[in-house]
Amino acid sequence: MADANKEIKEAKDKEVKEDLHKKDKEETKEKGLEAKKEKLEIKEEKTTKPIEELDKLKKEEKKWACKKCKKELICCHNGLCFKCDIKKLKSKKKKHNKKN
């Protein structure tokens, strides 16, 4: 009887060990999958950020575009276009240099 009880106990211990081993395998597999998901999410963030920044820059570019030629950007200091208002810019530069 003692041998039978011992065999039953060993069989139960073996089952428990196998179950624990299976659970450990599943957990490590899940952790690996989670790590891969995190890496993918980080990659997605890195790829979407530059696109968002480009969109912002394009909006700013439209905002600061010259109303006459619509090609060049205007100066934020005096609102003059470097293509259309080059003569005004040159004359302002001359006036500014004469004052000093």
C-alpha atoms as a PDB file:
ATOM      1  CA  MET A   1       0.000   0.000   0.000  1.00  0.00           C
ATOM      2  CA  ALA A   2       2.823   2.373   0.838  1.00  0.00           C
ATOM      3  CA  ASP A   3       4.370   1.715  -2.583  1.00  0.00           C
ATOM      4  CA  ALA A   4       1.075   2.494  -4.305  1.00  0.00           C
ATOM      5  CA  ASN A   5       0.701   5.761  -2.381  1.00  0.00           C
ATOM      6  CA  LYS A   6       4.298   6.622  -3.214  1.00  0.00           C
ATOM      7  CA  GLU A   7       3.697   5.977  -6.930  1.00  0.00           C
ATOM      8  CA  ILE A   8       0.506   8.066  -6.897  1.00  0.00           C
ATOM      9  CA  LYS A   9       2.345  10.909  -5.161  1.00  0.00           C
ATOM     10  CA  GLU A  10       5.226  10.734  -7.681  1.00  0.00           C
ATOM     11  CA  ALA A  11       2.748  10.751 -10.578  1.00  0.00           C
ATOM     12  CA  LYS A  12       0.968  13.797  -9.135  1.00  0.00           C
ATOM     13  CA  ASP A  13       4.298  15.555  -8.589  1.00  0.00           C
ATOM     14  CA  LYS A  14       5.267  14.777 -12.170  1.00  0.00           C
ATOM     15  CA  GLU A  15       1.945  16.190 -13.449  1.00  0.00           C
ATOM     16  CA  VAL A  16       2.358  19.317 -11.353  1.00  0.00           C
ATOM     17  CA  LYS A  17       5.901  19.805 -12.646  1.00  0.00           C
ATOM     18  CA  GLU A  18       4.726  19.369 -16.247  1.00  0.00           C
ATOM     19  CA  ASP A  19       1.892  21.842 -15.699  1.00  0.00           C
ATOM     20  CA  LEU A  20       4.302  24.360 -14.204  1.00  0.00           C
ATOM     21  CA  HIS A  21       6.689  23.833 -17.099  1.00  0.00           C
ATOM     22  CA  LYS A  22       3.853  24.422 -19.604  1.00  0.00           C
ATOM     23  CA  LYS A  23       2.760  27.553 -17.770  1.00  0.00           C
ATOM     24  CA  ASP A  24       6.336  28.863 -17.740  1.00  0.00           C
ATOM     25  CA  LYS A  25       6.615  28.244 -21.478  1.00  0.00           C
ATOM     26  CA  GLU A  26       3.328  30.064 -22.112  1.00  0.00           C
ATOM     27  CA  GLU A  27       4.349  32.982 -19.914  1.00  0.00           C
ATOM     28  CA  THR A  28       7.711  33.382 -21.628  1.00  0.00           C
ATOM     29  CA  LYS A  29       6.004  33.140 -25.003  1.00  0.00           C
ATOM     30  CA  GLU A  30       3.484  35.826 -23.949  1.00  0.00           C
ATOM     31  CA  LYS A  31       6.282  38.037 -22.641  1.00  0.00           C
ATOM     32  CA  GLY A  32       8.109  37.637 -25.925  1.00  0.00           C
ATOM     33  CA  LEU A  33       4.984  38.581 -27.848  1.00  0.00           C
ATOM     34  CA  GLU A  34       4.405  41.584 -25.605  1.00  0.00           C
ATOM     35  CA  ALA A  35       7.988  42.720 -26.127  1.00  0.00           C
ATOM     36  CA  LYS A  36       7.546  42.402 -29.892  1.00  0.00           C
ATOM     37  CA  LYS A  37       4.297  44.394 -29.720  1.00  0.00           C
ATOM     38  CA  GLU A  38       6.033  47.128 -27.728  1.00  0.00           C
ATOM     39  CA  LYS A  39       8.832  47.312 -30.287  1.00  0.00           C
ATOM     40  CA  LEU A  40       6.294  47.580 -33.092  1.00  0.00           C
ATOM     41  CA  GLU A  41       4.408  50.323 -31.242  1.00  0.00           C
ATOM     42  CA  ILE A  42       7.642  52.253 -30.763  1.00  0.00           C
ATOM     43  CA  LYS A  43       8.434  51.893 -34.463  1.00  0.00           C
ATOM     44  CA  GLU A  44       4.934  53.129 -35.362  1.00  0.00           C
ATOM     45  CA  GLU A  45       5.371  56.166 -33.104  1.00  0.00           C
ATOM     46  CA  LYS A  46       8.707  56.960 -34.719  1.00  0.00           C
ATOM     47  CA  THR A  47       7.250  56.744 -38.216  1.00  0.00           C
ATOM     48  CA  THR A  48       4.112  58.781 -37.492  1.00  0.00           C
ATOM     49  CA  LYS A  49       5.873  61.607 -35.644  1.00  0.00           C
ATOM     50  CA  PRO A  50       7.914  62.856 -38.611  1.00  0.00           C
ATOM     51  CA  ILE A  51       4.796  62.767 -40.801  1.00  0.00           C
ATOM     52  CA  GLU A  52       2.887  64.866 -38.273  1.00  0.00           C
ATOM     53  CA  GLU A  53       5.790  67.301 -38.051  1.00  0.00           C
ATOM     54  CA  LEU A  54       5.916  67.584 -41.836  1.00  0.00           C
ATOM     55  CA  ASP A  55       2.207  68.363 -41.908  1.00  0.00           C
ATOM     56  CA  LYS A  56       2.742  71.107 -39.336  1.00  0.00           C
ATOM     57  CA  LEU A  57       5.624  72.534 -41.358  1.00  0.00           C
ATOM     58  CA  LYS A  58       3.540  72.540 -44.532  1.00  0.00           C
ATOM     59  CA  LYS A  59       0.774  74.442 -42.738  1.00  0.00           C
ATOM     60  CA  GLU A  60       3.296  76.983 -41.459  1.00  0.00           C
ATOM     61  CA  GLU A  61       4.775  77.281 -44.926  1.00  0.00           C
ATOM     62  CA  LYS A  62       1.344  78.101 -46.360  1.00  0.00           C
ATOM     63  CA  LYS A  63       0.773  80.580 -43.545  1.00  0.00           C
ATOM     64  CA  TRP A  64       4.054  82.418 -44.247  1.00  0.00           C
ATOM     65  CA  ALA A  65       3.899  82.267 -48.052  1.00  0.00           C
ATOM     66  CA  CYS A  66       4.001  85.493 -50.022  1.00  0.00           C
ATOM     67  CA  LYS A  67       0.554  86.614 -51.115  1.00  0.00           C
ATOM     68  CA  LYS A  68       1.851  87.980 -54.419  1.00  0.00           C
ATOM     69  CA  CYS A  69       4.054  85.226 -55.809  1.00  0.00           C
ATOM     70  CA  LYS A  70       2.952  82.385 -53.474  1.00  0.00           C
ATOM     71  CA  LYS A  71       6.354  80.770 -53.890  1.00  0.00           C
ATOM     72  CA  GLU A  72       8.718  82.431 -51.472  1.00  0.00           C
ATOM     73  CA  LEU A  73       8.325  82.770 -47.742  1.00  0.00           C
ATOM     74  CA  ILE A  74       7.985  86.202 -46.207  1.00  0.00           C
ATOM     75  CA  CYS A  75      10.331  87.503 -43.566  1.00  0.00           C
ATOM     76  CA  CYS A  76       8.914  87.209 -40.058  1.00  0.00           C
ATOM     77  CA  HIS A  77      10.596  90.484 -39.012  1.00  0.00           C
ATOM     78  CA  ASN A  78       9.176  92.833 -41.599  1.00  0.00           C
ATOM     79  CA  GLY A  79       6.680  90.756 -43.618  1.00  0.00           C
ATOM     80  CA  LEU A  80       8.513  91.276 -46.901  1.00  0.00           C
ATOM     81  CA  CYS A  81       9.045  88.634 -49.548  1.00  0.00           C
ATOM     82  CA  PHE A  82      12.643  87.945 -50.542  1.00  0.00           C
ATOM     83  CA  LYS A  83      11.610  87.632 -54.185  1.00  0.00           C
ATOM     84  CA  CYS A  84       8.916  90.269 -54.711  1.00  0.00           C
ATOM     85  CA  ASP A  85      10.126  92.899 -52.246  1.00  0.00           C
ATOM     86  CA  ILE A  86      13.869  92.669 -52.784  1.00  0.00           C
ATOM     87  CA  LYS A  87      14.123  96.380 -53.696  1.00  0.00           C
ATOM     88  CA  LYS A  88      12.333  97.397 -50.496  1.00  0.00           C
ATOM     89  CA  LEU A  89      14.602  95.160 -48.495  1.00  0.00           C
ATOM     90  CA  LYS A  90      17.699  96.667 -50.073  1.00  0.00           C
ATOM     91  CA  SER A  91      16.492 100.213 -49.467  1.00  0.00           C
ATOM     92  CA  LYS A  92      15.647  99.405 -45.833  1.00  0.00           C
ATOM     93  CA  LYS A  93      19.113  97.970 -45.409  1.00  0.00           C
ATOM     94  CA  LYS A  94      20.680 101.144 -46.795  1.00  0.00           C
ATOM     95  CA  LYS A  95      18.537 103.375 -44.548  1.00  0.00           C
ATOM     96  CA  HIS A  96      19.409 101.251 -41.518  1.00  0.00           C
ATOM     97  CA  ASN A  97      23.146 101.441 -42.273  1.00  0.00           C
ATOM     98  CA  LYS A  98      23.022 105.245 -42.726  1.00  0.00           C
ATOM     99  CA  LYS A  99      21.441 105.777 -39.287  1.00  0.00           C
ATOM    100  CA  ASN A 100      24.374 104.092 -37.561  1.00  0.00           C
END
